[in-house]
PDB file of N, CA and C in Angstrom:
ATOM      1  N   MET A   1     138.191 -27.733 104.825  1.00  0.00           N
ATOM      2  CA  MET A   1     139.064 -26.456 104.800  1.00  0.00           C
ATOM      3  C   MET A   1     139.436 -26.122 106.280  1.00  0.00           C
ATOM      4  N   TYR A   2     140.699 -26.036 106.500  1.00  0.00           N
ATOM      5  CA  TYR A   2     141.249 -25.680 107.860  1.00  0.00           C
ATOM      6  C   TYR A   2     141.196 -24.174 108.026  1.00  0.00           C
ATOM      7  N   LYS A   3     140.668 -23.734 109.155  1.00  0.00           N
ATOM      8  CA  LYS A   3     140.657 -22.310 109.468  1.00  0.00           C
ATOM      9  C   LYS A   3     141.866 -21.959 110.274  1.00  0.00           C
ATOM     10  N   VAL A   4     142.627 -21.017 109.736  1.00  0.00           N
ATOM     11  CA  VAL A   4     143.926 -20.629 110.281  1.00  0.00           C
ATOM     12  C   VAL A   4     143.934 -19.169 110.826  1.00  0.00           C
ATOM     13  N   ALA A   5     144.515 -18.932 111.916  1.00  0.00           N
ATOM     14  CA  ALA A   5     144.829 -17.559 112.428  1.00  0.00           C
ATOM     15  C   ALA A   5     146.312 -17.474 112.690  1.00  0.00           C
ATOM     16  N   LEU A   6     146.810 -16.248 112.560  1.00  0.00           N
ATOM     17  CA  LEU A   6     148.218 -15.967 112.821  1.00  0.00           C
ATOM     18  C   LEU A   6     148.262 -14.812 113.883  1.00  0.00           C
ATOM     19  N   VAL A   7     149.064 -14.977 114.873  1.00  0.00           N
ATOM     20  CA  VAL A   7     149.226 -13.976 115.925  1.00  0.00           C
ATOM     21  C   VAL A   7     150.700 -13.477 115.894  1.00  0.00           C
ATOM     22  N   GLY A   8     150.830 -12.182 115.744  1.00  0.00           N
ATOM     23  CA  GLY A   8     152.172 -11.581 115.687  1.00  0.00           C
ATOM     24  C   GLY A   8     152.599 -11.237 114.295  1.00  0.00           C
ATOM     25  N   LEU A   9     152.348  -9.973 113.902  1.00  0.00           N
ATOM     26  CA  LEU A   9     152.609  -9.626 112.479  1.00  0.00           C
ATOM     27  C   LEU A   9     153.914  -8.856 112.353  1.00  0.00           C
ATOM     28  N   GLY A  10     154.967  -9.364 112.940  1.00  0.00           N
ATOM     29  CA  GLY A  10     156.318  -8.775 112.829  1.00  0.00           C
ATOM     30  C   GLY A  10     156.967  -9.362 111.667  1.00  0.00           C
ATOM     31  N   GLY A  11     158.329  -9.275 111.639  1.00  0.00           N
ATOM     32  CA  GLY A  11     159.133  -9.724 110.508  1.00  0.00           C
ATOM     33  C   GLY A  11     158.905 -11.166 110.046  1.00  0.00           C
ATOM     34  N   ILE A  12     158.901 -12.116 110.954  1.00  0.00           N
ATOM     35  CA  ILE A  12     158.896 -13.534 110.499  1.00  0.00           C
ATOM     36  C   ILE A  12     157.484 -13.834 109.937  1.00  0.00           C
ATOM     37  N   SER A  13     156.449 -13.092 110.293  1.00  0.00           N
ATOM     38  CA  SER A  13     155.148 -13.386 109.755  1.00  0.00           C
ATOM     39  C   SER A  13     155.065 -13.165 108.220  1.00  0.00           C
ATOM     40  N   ASN A  14     155.983 -12.358 107.737  1.00  0.00           N
ATOM     41  CA  ASN A  14     155.998 -12.137 106.284  1.00  0.00           C
ATOM     42  C   ASN A  14     156.443 -13.395 105.496  1.00  0.00           C
ATOM     43  N   THR A  15     157.097 -14.331 106.226  1.00  0.00           N
ATOM     44  CA  THR A  15     157.429 -15.636 105.649  1.00  0.00           C
ATOM     45  C   THR A  15     156.263 -16.571 105.761  1.00  0.00           C
ATOM     46  N   HIS A  16     155.581 -16.551 106.873  1.00  0.00           N
ATOM     47  CA  HIS A  16     154.449 -17.482 107.119  1.00  0.00           C
ATOM     48  C   HIS A  16     153.221 -17.142 106.308  1.00  0.00           C
ATOM     49  N   LEU A  17     152.809 -15.951 106.261  1.00  0.00           N
ATOM     50  CA  LEU A  17     151.487 -15.607 105.687  1.00  0.00           C
ATOM     51  C   LEU A  17     151.385 -15.946 104.229  1.00  0.00           C
ATOM     52  N   PRO A  18     152.327 -15.730 103.405  1.00  0.00           N
ATOM     53  CA  PRO A  18     152.184 -16.076 101.957  1.00  0.00           C
ATOM     54  C   PRO A  18     151.907 -17.547 101.765  1.00  0.00           C
ATOM     55  N   VAL A  19     152.573 -18.365 102.591  1.00  0.00           N
ATOM     56  CA  VAL A  19     152.394 -19.856 102.478  1.00  0.00           C
ATOM     57  C   VAL A  19     150.924 -20.275 102.876  1.00  0.00           C
ATOM     58  N   TRP A  20     150.365 -19.678 103.885  1.00  0.00           N
ATOM     59  CA  TRP A  20     148.991 -19.984 104.227  1.00  0.00           C
ATOM     60  C   TRP A  20     148.035 -19.749 103.086  1.00  0.00           C
ATOM     61  N   LYS A  21     148.342 -18.642 102.341  1.00  0.00           N
ATOM     62  CA  LYS A  21     147.439 -18.233 101.191  1.00  0.00           C
ATOM     63  C   LYS A  21     147.616 -19.195 100.056  1.00  0.00           C
ATOM     64  N   GLU A  22     148.720 -19.837  99.898  1.00  0.00           N
ATOM     65  CA  GLU A  22     148.967 -20.790  98.791  1.00  0.00           C
ATOM     66  C   GLU A  22     148.306 -22.154  99.029  1.00  0.00           C
ATOM     67  N   LEU A  23     148.091 -22.563 100.254  1.00  0.00           N
ATOM     68  CA  LEU A  23     147.591 -23.910 100.511  1.00  0.00           C
ATOM     69  C   LEU A  23     146.113 -23.974 100.208  1.00  0.00           C
ATOM     70  N   ASP A  24     145.764 -24.926  99.392  1.00  0.00           N
ATOM     71  CA  ASP A  24     144.409 -25.150  98.978  1.00  0.00           C
ATOM     72  C   ASP A  24     143.430 -25.498 100.034  1.00  0.00           C
ATOM     73  N   ASP A  25     143.896 -26.224 101.049  1.00  0.00           N
ATOM     74  CA  ASP A  25     143.072 -26.742 102.149  1.00  0.00           C
ATOM     75  C   ASP A  25     143.071 -25.856 103.399  1.00  0.00           C
ATOM     76  N   CYS A  26     143.636 -24.666 103.331  1.00  0.00           N
ATOM     77  CA  CYS A  26     143.716 -23.775 104.490  1.00  0.00           C
ATOM     78  C   CYS A  26     143.173 -22.353 104.062  1.00  0.00           C
ATOM     79  N   GLU A  27     142.497 -21.702 105.062  1.00  0.00           N
ATOM     80  CA  GLU A  27     141.958 -20.411 104.865  1.00  0.00           C
ATOM     81  C   GLU A  27     142.408 -19.536 106.078  1.00  0.00           C
ATOM     82  N   LEU A  28     143.143 -18.447 105.676  1.00  0.00           N
ATOM     83  CA  LEU A  28     143.547 -17.491 106.782  1.00  0.00           C
ATOM     84  C   LEU A  28     142.344 -16.676 107.151  1.00  0.00           C
ATOM     85  N   VAL A  29     141.754 -16.966 108.331  1.00  0.00           N
ATOM     86  CA  VAL A  29     140.498 -16.329 108.637  1.00  0.00           C
ATOM     87  C   VAL A  29     140.723 -15.074 109.613  1.00  0.00           C
ATOM     88  N   ALA A  30     141.872 -15.048 110.286  1.00  0.00           N
ATOM     89  CA  ALA A  30     142.095 -13.993 111.278  1.00  0.00           C
ATOM     90  C   ALA A  30     143.602 -13.768 111.482  1.00  0.00           C
ATOM     91  N   VAL A  31     143.890 -12.490 111.780  1.00  0.00           N
ATOM     92  CA  VAL A  31     145.199 -12.082 112.154  1.00  0.00           C
ATOM     93  C   VAL A  31     145.101 -11.292 113.453  1.00  0.00           C
ATOM     94  N   CYS A  32     146.155 -11.329 114.269  1.00  0.00           N
ATOM     95  CA  CYS A  32     146.115 -10.652 115.512  1.00  0.00           C
ATOM     96  C   CYS A  32     147.483  -9.962 115.793  1.00  0.00           C
ATOM     97  N   ASP A  33     147.438  -8.753 116.191  1.00  0.00           N
ATOM     98  CA  ASP A  33     148.662  -7.975 116.580  1.00  0.00           C
ATOM     99  C   ASP A  33     148.185  -6.853 117.482  1.00  0.00           C
ATOM    100  N   THR A  34     149.058  -6.365 118.380  1.00  0.00           N
ATOM    101  CA  THR A  34     148.749  -5.282 119.205  1.00  0.00           C
ATOM    102  C   THR A  34     148.778  -3.935 118.456  1.00  0.00           C
ATOM    103  N   ARG A  35     149.351  -4.013 117.242  1.00  0.00           N
ATOM    104  CA  ARG A  35     149.510  -2.803 116.431  1.00  0.00           C
ATOM    105  C   ARG A  35     148.538  -2.911 115.246  1.00  0.00           C
ATOM    106  N   PRO A  36     147.361  -2.243 115.315  1.00  0.00           N
ATOM    107  CA  PRO A  36     146.361  -2.371 114.306  1.00  0.00           C
ATOM    108  C   PRO A  36     146.837  -2.073 112.891  1.00  0.00           C
ATOM    109  N   GLU A  37     147.744  -1.183 112.724  1.00  0.00           N
ATOM    110  CA  GLU A  37     148.249  -0.797 111.345  1.00  0.00           C
ATOM    111  C   GLU A  37     148.957  -1.975 110.690  1.00  0.00           C
ATOM    112  N   GLN A  38     149.480  -2.986 111.467  1.00  0.00           N
ATOM    113  CA  GLN A  38     150.138  -4.163 110.934  1.00  0.00           C
ATOM    114  C   GLN A  38     149.132  -5.060 110.182  1.00  0.00           C
ATOM    115  N   MET A  39     147.872  -4.921 110.472  1.00  0.00           N
ATOM    116  CA  MET A  39     146.880  -5.814 109.836  1.00  0.00           C
ATOM    117  C   MET A  39     146.255  -5.272 108.596  1.00  0.00           C
ATOM    118  N   ASP A  40     146.562  -4.075 108.225  1.00  0.00           N
ATOM    119  CA  ASP A  40     145.996  -3.399 107.062  1.00  0.00           C
ATOM    120  C   ASP A  40     146.295  -4.212 105.776  1.00  0.00           C
ATOM    121  N   ALA A  41     147.440  -4.882 105.705  1.00  0.00           N
ATOM    122  CA  ALA A  41     147.877  -5.609 104.576  1.00  0.00           C
ATOM    123  C   ALA A  41     147.051  -6.911 104.373  1.00  0.00           C
ATOM    124  N   TYR A  42     146.106  -7.234 105.290  1.00  0.00           N
ATOM    125  CA  TYR A  42     145.366  -8.472 105.277  1.00  0.00           C
ATOM    126  C   TYR A  42     143.856  -8.216 105.278  1.00  0.00           C
ATOM    127  N   PRO A  43     143.333  -7.542 104.346  1.00  0.00           N
ATOM    128  CA  PRO A  43     141.944  -7.138 104.352  1.00  0.00           C
ATOM    129  C   PRO A  43     140.932  -8.301 104.337  1.00  0.00           C
ATOM    130  N   ASP A  44     141.372  -9.484 103.860  1.00  0.00           N
ATOM    131  CA  ASP A  44     140.431 -10.595 103.799  1.00  0.00           C
ATOM    132  C   ASP A  44     140.310 -11.393 105.098  1.00  0.00           C
ATOM    133  N   ALA A  45     141.174 -11.110 106.059  1.00  0.00           N
ATOM    134  CA  ALA A  45     141.136 -11.742 107.382  1.00  0.00           C
ATOM    135  C   ALA A  45     140.519 -10.835 108.408  1.00  0.00           C
ATOM    136  N   ARG A  46     139.885 -11.342 109.430  1.00  0.00           N
ATOM    137  CA  ARG A  46     139.352 -10.561 110.540  1.00  0.00           C
ATOM    138  C   ARG A  46     140.530 -10.092 111.377  1.00  0.00           C
ATOM    139  N   HIS A  47     140.429  -8.907 111.934  1.00  0.00           N
ATOM    140  CA  HIS A  47     141.583  -8.334 112.665  1.00  0.00           C
ATOM    141  C   HIS A  47     141.235  -8.264 114.143  1.00  0.00           C
ATOM    142  N   TYR A  48     142.224  -8.604 114.924  1.00  0.00           N
ATOM    143  CA  TYR A  48     142.131  -8.539 116.383  1.00  0.00           C
ATOM    144  C   TYR A  48     143.386  -8.012 116.974  1.00  0.00           C
ATOM    145  N   THR A  49     143.191  -7.151 118.064  1.00  0.00           N
ATOM    146  CA  THR A  49     144.349  -6.659 118.825  1.00  0.00           C
ATOM    147  C   THR A  49     144.402  -7.432 120.117  1.00  0.00           C
ATOM    148  N   ASP A  50     143.439  -8.189 120.439  1.00  0.00           N
ATOM    149  CA  ASP A  50     143.406  -9.001 121.631  1.00  0.00           C
ATOM    150  C   ASP A  50     143.343 -10.485 121.356  1.00  0.00           C
ATOM    151  N   PHE A  51     144.415 -11.146 121.718  1.00  0.00           N
ATOM    152  CA  PHE A  51     144.547 -12.602 121.347  1.00  0.00           C
ATOM    153  C   PHE A  51     143.438 -13.448 121.919  1.00  0.00           C
ATOM    154  N   TYR A  52     143.079 -13.205 123.189  1.00  0.00           N
ATOM    155  CA  TYR A  52     141.978 -13.977 123.817  1.00  0.00           C
ATOM    156  C   TYR A  52     140.633 -13.699 123.161  1.00  0.00           C
ATOM    157  N   GLU A  53     140.401 -12.478 122.790  1.00  0.00           N
ATOM    158  CA  GLU A  53     139.136 -12.161 122.040  1.00  0.00           C
ATOM    159  C   GLU A  53     139.076 -12.976 120.755  1.00  0.00           C
ATOM    160  N   MET A  54     140.188 -13.071 120.071  1.00  0.00           N
ATOM    161  CA  MET A  54     140.213 -13.869 118.843  1.00  0.00           C
ATOM    162  C   MET A  54     139.907 -15.346 119.137  1.00  0.00           C
ATOM    163  N   LEU A  55     140.533 -15.877 120.193  1.00  0.00           N
ATOM    164  CA  LEU A  55     140.258 -17.297 120.487  1.00  0.00           C
ATOM    165  C   LEU A  55     138.802 -17.548 120.859  1.00  0.00           C
ATOM    166  N   GLU A  56     138.186 -16.611 121.460  1.00  0.00           N
ATOM    167  CA  GLU A  56     136.715 -16.728 121.811  1.00  0.00           C
ATOM    168  C   GLU A  56     135.844 -16.608 120.611  1.00  0.00           C
ATOM    169  N   LYS A  57     136.108 -15.685 119.717  1.00  0.00           N
ATOM    170  CA  LYS A  57     135.225 -15.381 118.599  1.00  0.00           C
ATOM    171  C   LYS A  57     135.429 -16.250 117.390  1.00  0.00           C
ATOM    172  N   GLU A  58     136.612 -16.775 117.184  1.00  0.00           N
ATOM    173  CA  GLU A  58     136.909 -17.572 116.009  1.00  0.00           C
ATOM    174  C   GLU A  58     136.826 -19.102 116.282  1.00  0.00           C
ATOM    175  N   LYS A  59     136.368 -19.833 115.269  1.00  0.00           N
ATOM    176  CA  LYS A  59     136.409 -21.280 115.325  1.00  0.00           C
ATOM    177  C   LYS A  59     137.609 -21.671 114.505  1.00  0.00           C
ATOM    178  N   LEU A  60     138.758 -21.889 115.152  1.00  0.00           N
ATOM    179  CA  LEU A  60     139.984 -22.142 114.491  1.00  0.00           C
ATOM    180  C   LEU A  60     140.412 -23.620 114.517  1.00  0.00           C
ATOM    181  N   ASP A  61     141.140 -24.030 113.445  1.00  0.00           N
ATOM    182  CA  ASP A  61     141.762 -25.371 113.429  1.00  0.00           C
ATOM    183  C   ASP A  61     143.217 -25.264 113.774  1.00  0.00           C
ATOM    184  N   ILE A  62     143.841 -24.151 113.339  1.00  0.00           N
ATOM    185  CA  ILE A  62     145.295 -23.958 113.439  1.00  0.00           C
ATOM    186  C   ILE A  62     145.638 -22.524 113.849  1.00  0.00           C
ATOM    187  N   LEU A  63     146.599 -22.376 114.754  1.00  0.00           N
ATOM    188  CA  LEU A  63     147.123 -21.146 115.171  1.00  0.00           C
ATOM    189  C   LEU A  63     148.569 -21.162 114.841  1.00  0.00           C
ATOM    190  N   ASP A  64     149.019 -20.065 114.176  1.00  0.00           N
ATOM    191  CA  ASP A  64     150.439 -19.862 113.801  1.00  0.00           C
ATOM    192  C   ASP A  64     150.952 -18.727 114.713  1.00  0.00           C
ATOM    193  N   ILE A  65     151.879 -19.110 115.603  1.00  0.00           N
ATOM    194  CA  ILE A  65     152.352 -18.181 116.627  1.00  0.00           C
ATOM    195  C   ILE A  65     153.668 -17.552 116.179  1.00  0.00           C
ATOM    196  N   CYS A  66     153.660 -16.246 115.961  1.00  0.00           N
ATOM    197  CA  CYS A  66     154.883 -15.506 115.492  1.00  0.00           C
ATOM    198  C   CYS A  66     155.160 -14.337 116.441  1.00  0.00           C
ATOM    199  N   VAL A  67     154.843 -14.479 117.682  1.00  0.00           N
ATOM    200  CA  VAL A  67     155.079 -13.403 118.610  1.00  0.00           C
ATOM    201  C   VAL A  67     156.444 -13.631 119.245  1.00  0.00           C
ATOM    202  N   PRO A  68     156.915 -12.648 120.169  1.00  0.00           N
ATOM    203  CA  PRO A  68     158.115 -12.864 120.848  1.00  0.00           C
ATOM    204  C   PRO A  68     158.108 -14.147 121.692  1.00  0.00           C
ATOM    205  N   THR A  69     159.274 -14.708 121.885  1.00  0.00           N
ATOM    206  CA  THR A  69     159.384 -16.003 122.555  1.00  0.00           C
ATOM    207  C   THR A  69     158.718 -16.105 123.877  1.00  0.00           C
ATOM    208  N   PHE A  70     158.785 -15.000 124.702  1.00  0.00           N
ATOM    209  CA  PHE A  70     158.198 -15.076 126.051  1.00  0.00           C
ATOM    210  C   PHE A  70     156.709 -15.327 126.034  1.00  0.00           C
ATOM    211  N   LEU A  71     156.044 -15.131 124.832  1.00  0.00           N
ATOM    212  CA  LEU A  71     154.612 -15.292 124.794  1.00  0.00           C
ATOM    213  C   LEU A  71     154.246 -16.646 124.191  1.00  0.00           C
ATOM    214  N   HIS A  72     155.161 -17.405 123.648  1.00  0.00           N
ATOM    215  CA  HIS A  72     154.843 -18.675 123.004  1.00  0.00           C
ATOM    216  C   HIS A  72     154.088 -19.636 123.872  1.00  0.00           C
ATOM    217  N   THR A  73     154.562 -19.866 125.095  1.00  0.00           N
ATOM    218  CA  THR A  73     153.860 -20.840 125.965  1.00  0.00           C
ATOM    219  C   THR A  73     152.515 -20.508 126.281  1.00  0.00           C
ATOM    220  N   LYS A  74     152.319 -19.225 126.695  1.00  0.00           N
ATOM    221  CA  LYS A  74     150.984 -18.782 127.036  1.00  0.00           C
ATOM    222  C   LYS A  74     149.916 -18.937 125.908  1.00  0.00           C
ATOM    223  N   PHE A  75     150.338 -18.487 124.671  1.00  0.00           N
ATOM    224  CA  PHE A  75     149.443 -18.605 123.572  1.00  0.00           C
ATOM    225  C   PHE A  75     149.217 -19.996 123.156  1.00  0.00           C
ATOM    226  N   ALA A  76     150.295 -20.824 123.145  1.00  0.00           N
ATOM    227  CA  ALA A  76     150.165 -22.238 122.741  1.00  0.00           C
ATOM    228  C   ALA A  76     149.253 -23.042 123.687  1.00  0.00           C
ATOM    229  N   LEU A  77     149.414 -22.794 125.054  1.00  0.00           N
ATOM    230  CA  LEU A  77     148.606 -23.508 125.976  1.00  0.00           C
ATOM    231  C   LEU A  77     147.095 -23.171 125.831  1.00  0.00           C
ATOM    232  N   ALA A  78     146.855 -21.837 125.719  1.00  0.00           N
ATOM    233  CA  ALA A  78     145.454 -21.376 125.530  1.00  0.00           C
ATOM    234  C   ALA A  78     144.838 -21.937 124.290  1.00  0.00           C
ATOM    235  N   SER A  79     145.655 -22.068 123.212  1.00  0.00           N
ATOM    236  CA  SER A  79     145.075 -22.540 121.950  1.00  0.00           C
ATOM    237  C   SER A  79     144.800 -24.063 121.996  1.00  0.00           C
ATOM    238  N   MET A  80     145.743 -24.817 122.499  1.00  0.00           N
ATOM    239  CA  MET A  80     145.555 -26.267 122.544  1.00  0.00           C
ATOM    240  C   MET A  80     144.358 -26.627 123.506  1.00  0.00           C
ATOM    241  N   LYS A  81     144.232 -25.887 124.551  1.00  0.00           N
ATOM    242  CA  LYS A  81     143.077 -26.050 125.501  1.00  0.00           C
ATOM    243  C   LYS A  81     141.746 -25.848 124.778  1.00  0.00           C
ATOM    244  N   LYS A  82     141.738 -24.944 123.782  1.00  0.00           N
ATOM    245  CA  LYS A  82     140.576 -24.738 122.952  1.00  0.00           C
ATOM    246  C   LYS A  82     140.351 -25.663 121.839  1.00  0.00           C
ATOM    247  N   GLY A  83     141.341 -26.648 121.694  1.00  0.00           N
ATOM    248  CA  GLY A  83     141.240 -27.611 120.664  1.00  0.00           C
ATOM    249  C   GLY A  83     141.823 -27.154 119.364  1.00  0.00           C
ATOM    250  N   ILE A  84     142.837 -26.336 119.456  1.00  0.00           N
ATOM    251  CA  ILE A  84     143.465 -25.831 118.184  1.00  0.00           C
ATOM    252  C   ILE A  84     144.862 -26.323 118.056  1.00  0.00           C
ATOM    253  N   HIS A  85     145.209 -26.771 116.837  1.00  0.00           N
ATOM    254  CA  HIS A  85     146.572 -27.235 116.553  1.00  0.00           C
ATOM    255  C   HIS A  85     147.480 -26.001 116.494  1.00  0.00           C
ATOM    256  N   VAL A  86     148.723 -26.131 116.858  1.00  0.00           N
ATOM    257  CA  VAL A  86     149.661 -25.020 116.991  1.00  0.00           C
ATOM    258  C   VAL A  86     150.938 -25.181 116.144  1.00  0.00           C
ATOM    259  N   LEU A  87     151.246 -24.226 115.369  1.00  0.00           N
ATOM    260  CA  LEU A  87     152.535 -24.083 114.669  1.00  0.00           C
ATOM    261  C   LEU A  87     153.227 -22.877 115.440  1.00  0.00           C
ATOM    262  N   CYS A  88     154.369 -23.102 115.989  1.00  0.00           N
ATOM    263  CA  CYS A  88     155.053 -22.052 116.806  1.00  0.00           C
ATOM    264  C   CYS A  88     156.376 -21.761 116.213  1.00  0.00           C
ATOM    265  N   GLU A  89     156.682 -20.478 116.048  1.00  0.00           N
ATOM    266  CA  GLU A  89     158.007 -20.061 115.576  1.00  0.00           C
ATOM    267  C   GLU A  89     159.078 -20.478 116.622  1.00  0.00           C
ATOM    268  N   LYS A  90     160.286 -20.581 116.182  1.00  0.00           N
ATOM    269  CA  LYS A  90     161.390 -20.955 117.048  1.00  0.00           C
ATOM    270  C   LYS A  90     161.887 -19.728 117.810  1.00  0.00           C
ATOM    271  N   PRO A  91     162.571 -19.851 118.918  1.00  0.00           N
ATOM    272  CA  PRO A  91     162.660 -21.033 119.717  1.00  0.00           C
ATOM    273  C   PRO A  91     161.386 -21.402 120.333  1.00  0.00           C
ATOM    274  N   MET A  92     161.159 -22.690 120.750  1.00  0.00           N
ATOM    275  CA  MET A  92     159.933 -23.100 121.260  1.00  0.00           C
ATOM    276  C   MET A  92     159.413 -22.315 122.439  1.00  0.00           C
ATOM    277  N   ALA A  93     160.312 -22.048 123.393  1.00  0.00           N
ATOM    278  CA  ALA A  93     159.909 -21.419 124.669  1.00  0.00           C
ATOM    279  C   ALA A  93     161.108 -20.679 125.264  1.00  0.00           C
ATOM    280  N   ALA A  94     160.814 -19.842 126.166  1.00  0.00           N
ATOM    281  CA  ALA A  94     161.866 -19.102 126.865  1.00  0.00           C
ATOM    282  C   ALA A  94     162.643 -19.962 127.902  1.00  0.00           C
ATOM    283  N   THR A  95     162.034 -21.035 128.408  1.00  0.00           N
ATOM    284  CA  THR A  95     162.728 -21.826 129.417  1.00  0.00           C
ATOM    285  C   THR A  95     162.378 -23.334 129.119  1.00  0.00           C
ATOM    286  N   PRO A  96     163.207 -24.217 129.564  1.00  0.00           N
ATOM    287  CA  PRO A  96     162.872 -25.612 129.459  1.00  0.00           C
ATOM    288  C   PRO A  96     161.552 -25.975 130.171  1.00  0.00           C
ATOM    289  N   ALA A  97     161.267 -25.333 131.263  1.00  0.00           N
ATOM    290  CA  ALA A  97     159.999 -25.611 131.987  1.00  0.00           C
ATOM    291  C   ALA A  97     158.826 -25.204 131.186  1.00  0.00           C
ATOM    292  N   ASP A  98     158.940 -24.076 130.400  1.00  0.00           N
ATOM    293  CA  ASP A  98     157.846 -23.651 129.575  1.00  0.00           C
ATOM    294  C   ASP A  98     157.652 -24.627 128.460  1.00  0.00           C
ATOM    295  N   ALA A  99     158.764 -25.072 127.815  1.00  0.00           N
ATOM    296  CA  ALA A  99     158.691 -26.055 126.773  1.00  0.00           C
ATOM    297  C   ALA A  99     158.025 -27.367 127.215  1.00  0.00           C
ATOM    298  N   LYS A 100     158.362 -27.750 128.430  1.00  0.00           N
ATOM    299  CA  LYS A 100     157.678 -28.914 128.985  1.00  0.00           C
ATOM    300  C   LYS A 100     156.196 -28.807 129.144  1.00  0.00           C
ATOM    301  N   LYS A 101     155.810 -27.566 129.586  1.00  0.00           N
ATOM    302  CA  LYS A 101     154.372 -27.316 129.703  1.00  0.00           C
ATOM    303  C   LYS A 101     153.677 -27.438 128.322  1.00  0.00           C
ATOM    304  N   MET A 102     154.325 -26.992 127.309  1.00  0.00           N
ATOM    305  CA  MET A 102     153.743 -27.044 125.978  1.00  0.00           C
ATOM    306  C   MET A 102     153.585 -28.467 125.503  1.00  0.00           C
ATOM    307  N   LEU A 103     154.622 -29.316 125.806  1.00  0.00           N
ATOM    308  CA  LEU A 103     154.597 -30.694 125.428  1.00  0.00           C
ATOM    309  C   LEU A 103     153.520 -31.481 126.263  1.00  0.00           C
ATOM    310  N   GLU A 104     153.384 -31.130 127.489  1.00  0.00           N
ATOM    311  CA  GLU A 104     152.401 -31.791 128.338  1.00  0.00           C
ATOM    312  C   GLU A 104     150.977 -31.384 127.831  1.00  0.00           C
ATOM    313  N   ALA A 105     150.786 -30.177 127.431  1.00  0.00           N
ATOM    314  CA  ALA A 105     149.458 -29.741 126.877  1.00  0.00           C
ATOM    315  C   ALA A 105     149.218 -30.485 125.573  1.00  0.00           C
ATOM    316  N   ARG A 106     150.189 -30.661 124.698  1.00  0.00           N
ATOM    317  CA  ARG A 106     150.028 -31.417 123.497  1.00  0.00           C
ATOM    318  C   ARG A 106     149.604 -32.844 123.785  1.00  0.00           C
ATOM    319  N   ASP A 107     150.252 -33.469 124.730  1.00  0.00           N
ATOM    320  CA  ASP A 107     149.920 -34.822 125.116  1.00  0.00           C
ATOM    321  C   ASP A 107     148.498 -34.919 125.755  1.00  0.00           C
ATOM    322  N   ARG A 108     148.167 -33.990 126.566  1.00  0.00           N
ATOM    323  CA  ARG A 108     146.879 -33.977 127.239  1.00  0.00           C
ATOM    324  C   ARG A 108     145.677 -33.729 126.338  1.00  0.00           C
ATOM    325  N   THR A 109     145.894 -32.839 125.253  1.00  0.00           N
ATOM    326  CA  THR A 109     144.844 -32.413 124.423  1.00  0.00           C
ATOM    327  C   THR A 109     144.778 -33.236 123.168  1.00  0.00           C
ATOM    328  N   GLY A 110     145.893 -33.900 122.789  1.00  0.00           N
ATOM    329  CA  GLY A 110     145.932 -34.580 121.521  1.00  0.00           C
ATOM    330  C   GLY A 110     146.046 -33.674 120.304  1.00  0.00           C
ATOM    331  N   LYS A 111     146.355 -32.431 120.540  1.00  0.00           N
ATOM    332  CA  LYS A 111     146.509 -31.451 119.441  1.00  0.00           C
ATOM    333  C   LYS A 111     147.924 -31.540 118.938  1.00  0.00           C
ATOM    334  N   MET A 112     148.139 -31.218 117.668  1.00  0.00           N
ATOM    335  CA  MET A 112     149.511 -31.183 117.151  1.00  0.00           C
ATOM    336  C   MET A 112     150.177 -29.827 117.574  1.00  0.00           C
ATOM    337  N   LEU A 113     151.475 -29.978 117.907  1.00  0.00           N
ATOM    338  CA  LEU A 113     152.271 -28.838 118.268  1.00  0.00           C
ATOM    339  C   LEU A 113     153.614 -29.054 117.447  1.00  0.00           C
ATOM    340  N   THR A 114     153.844 -28.099 116.596  1.00  0.00           N
ATOM    341  CA  THR A 114     155.081 -28.135 115.786  1.00  0.00           C
ATOM    342  C   THR A 114     155.807 -26.816 115.931  1.00  0.00           C
ATOM    343  N   ILE A 115     157.136 -26.937 115.883  1.00  0.00           N
ATOM    344  CA  ILE A 115     157.975 -25.744 116.005  1.00  0.00           C
ATOM    345  C   ILE A 115     158.660 -25.543 114.630  1.00  0.00           C
ATOM    346  N   GLY A 116     158.776 -24.328 114.229  1.00  0.00           N
ATOM    347  CA  GLY A 116     159.273 -23.999 112.907  1.00  0.00           C
ATOM    348  C   GLY A 116     160.790 -23.978 112.817  1.00  0.00           C
ATOM    349  N   TYR A 117     161.357 -25.193 112.985  1.00  0.00           N
ATOM    350  CA  TYR A 117     162.820 -25.287 112.769  1.00  0.00           C
ATOM    351  C   TYR A 117     163.093 -25.611 111.315  1.00  0.00           C
ATOM    352  N   GLN A 118     162.808 -24.642 110.441  1.00  0.00           N
ATOM    353  CA  GLN A 118     162.855 -24.904 108.999  1.00  0.00           C
ATOM    354  C   GLN A 118     164.259 -25.133 108.425  1.00  0.00           C
ATOM    355  N   TYR A 119     165.362 -24.768 109.082  1.00  0.00           N
ATOM    356  CA  TYR A 119     166.619 -25.018 108.494  1.00  0.00           C
ATOM    357  C   TYR A 119     167.249 -26.313 108.829  1.00  0.00           C
ATOM    358  N   ARG A 120     166.578 -27.145 109.622  1.00  0.00           N
ATOM    359  CA  ARG A 120     167.131 -28.363 110.169  1.00  0.00           C
ATOM    360  C   ARG A 120     167.719 -29.330 109.079  1.00  0.00           C
ATOM    361  N   HIS A 121     167.009 -29.377 107.931  1.00  0.00           N
ATOM    362  CA  HIS A 121     167.426 -30.314 106.938  1.00  0.00           C
ATOM    363  C   HIS A 121     168.133 -29.705 105.684  1.00  0.00           C
ATOM    364  N   PHE A 122     168.501 -28.420 105.858  1.00  0.00           N
ATOM    365  CA  PHE A 122     169.309 -27.748 104.772  1.00  0.00           C
ATOM    366  C   PHE A 122     170.710 -28.262 104.823  1.00  0.00           C
ATOM    367  N   PRO A 123     171.359 -28.430 103.668  1.00  0.00           N
ATOM    368  CA  PRO A 123     172.768 -28.837 103.692  1.00  0.00           C
ATOM    369  C   PRO A 123     173.665 -27.751 104.209  1.00  0.00           C
TER     370      PRO A 123
END
């Protein structure tokens, strides 16, 4: 069973969260947002307002990043360094240099990094 956490409970997370609950081999164990009231809808997951506290306390396999773009790189790098696979919402990063850092961390750690470009194959 893969242990999953999601950071950023804004609009796009409403698309991500139901899918995690449907997957038989994944368990949503934690959610994180700076607004505690956003987490009320997820009583079965542990709640965090501090991303780094969540990384320290949880033993995660996958992190789903749904925060504003300027935070993608920082959260992805910290997660891969801890041995966590990353699914990141688009766009990948705020700058090409930040995207390169994410790819280098993926290569260095051997962790999966995927970006949610879900419309790529739609007609």
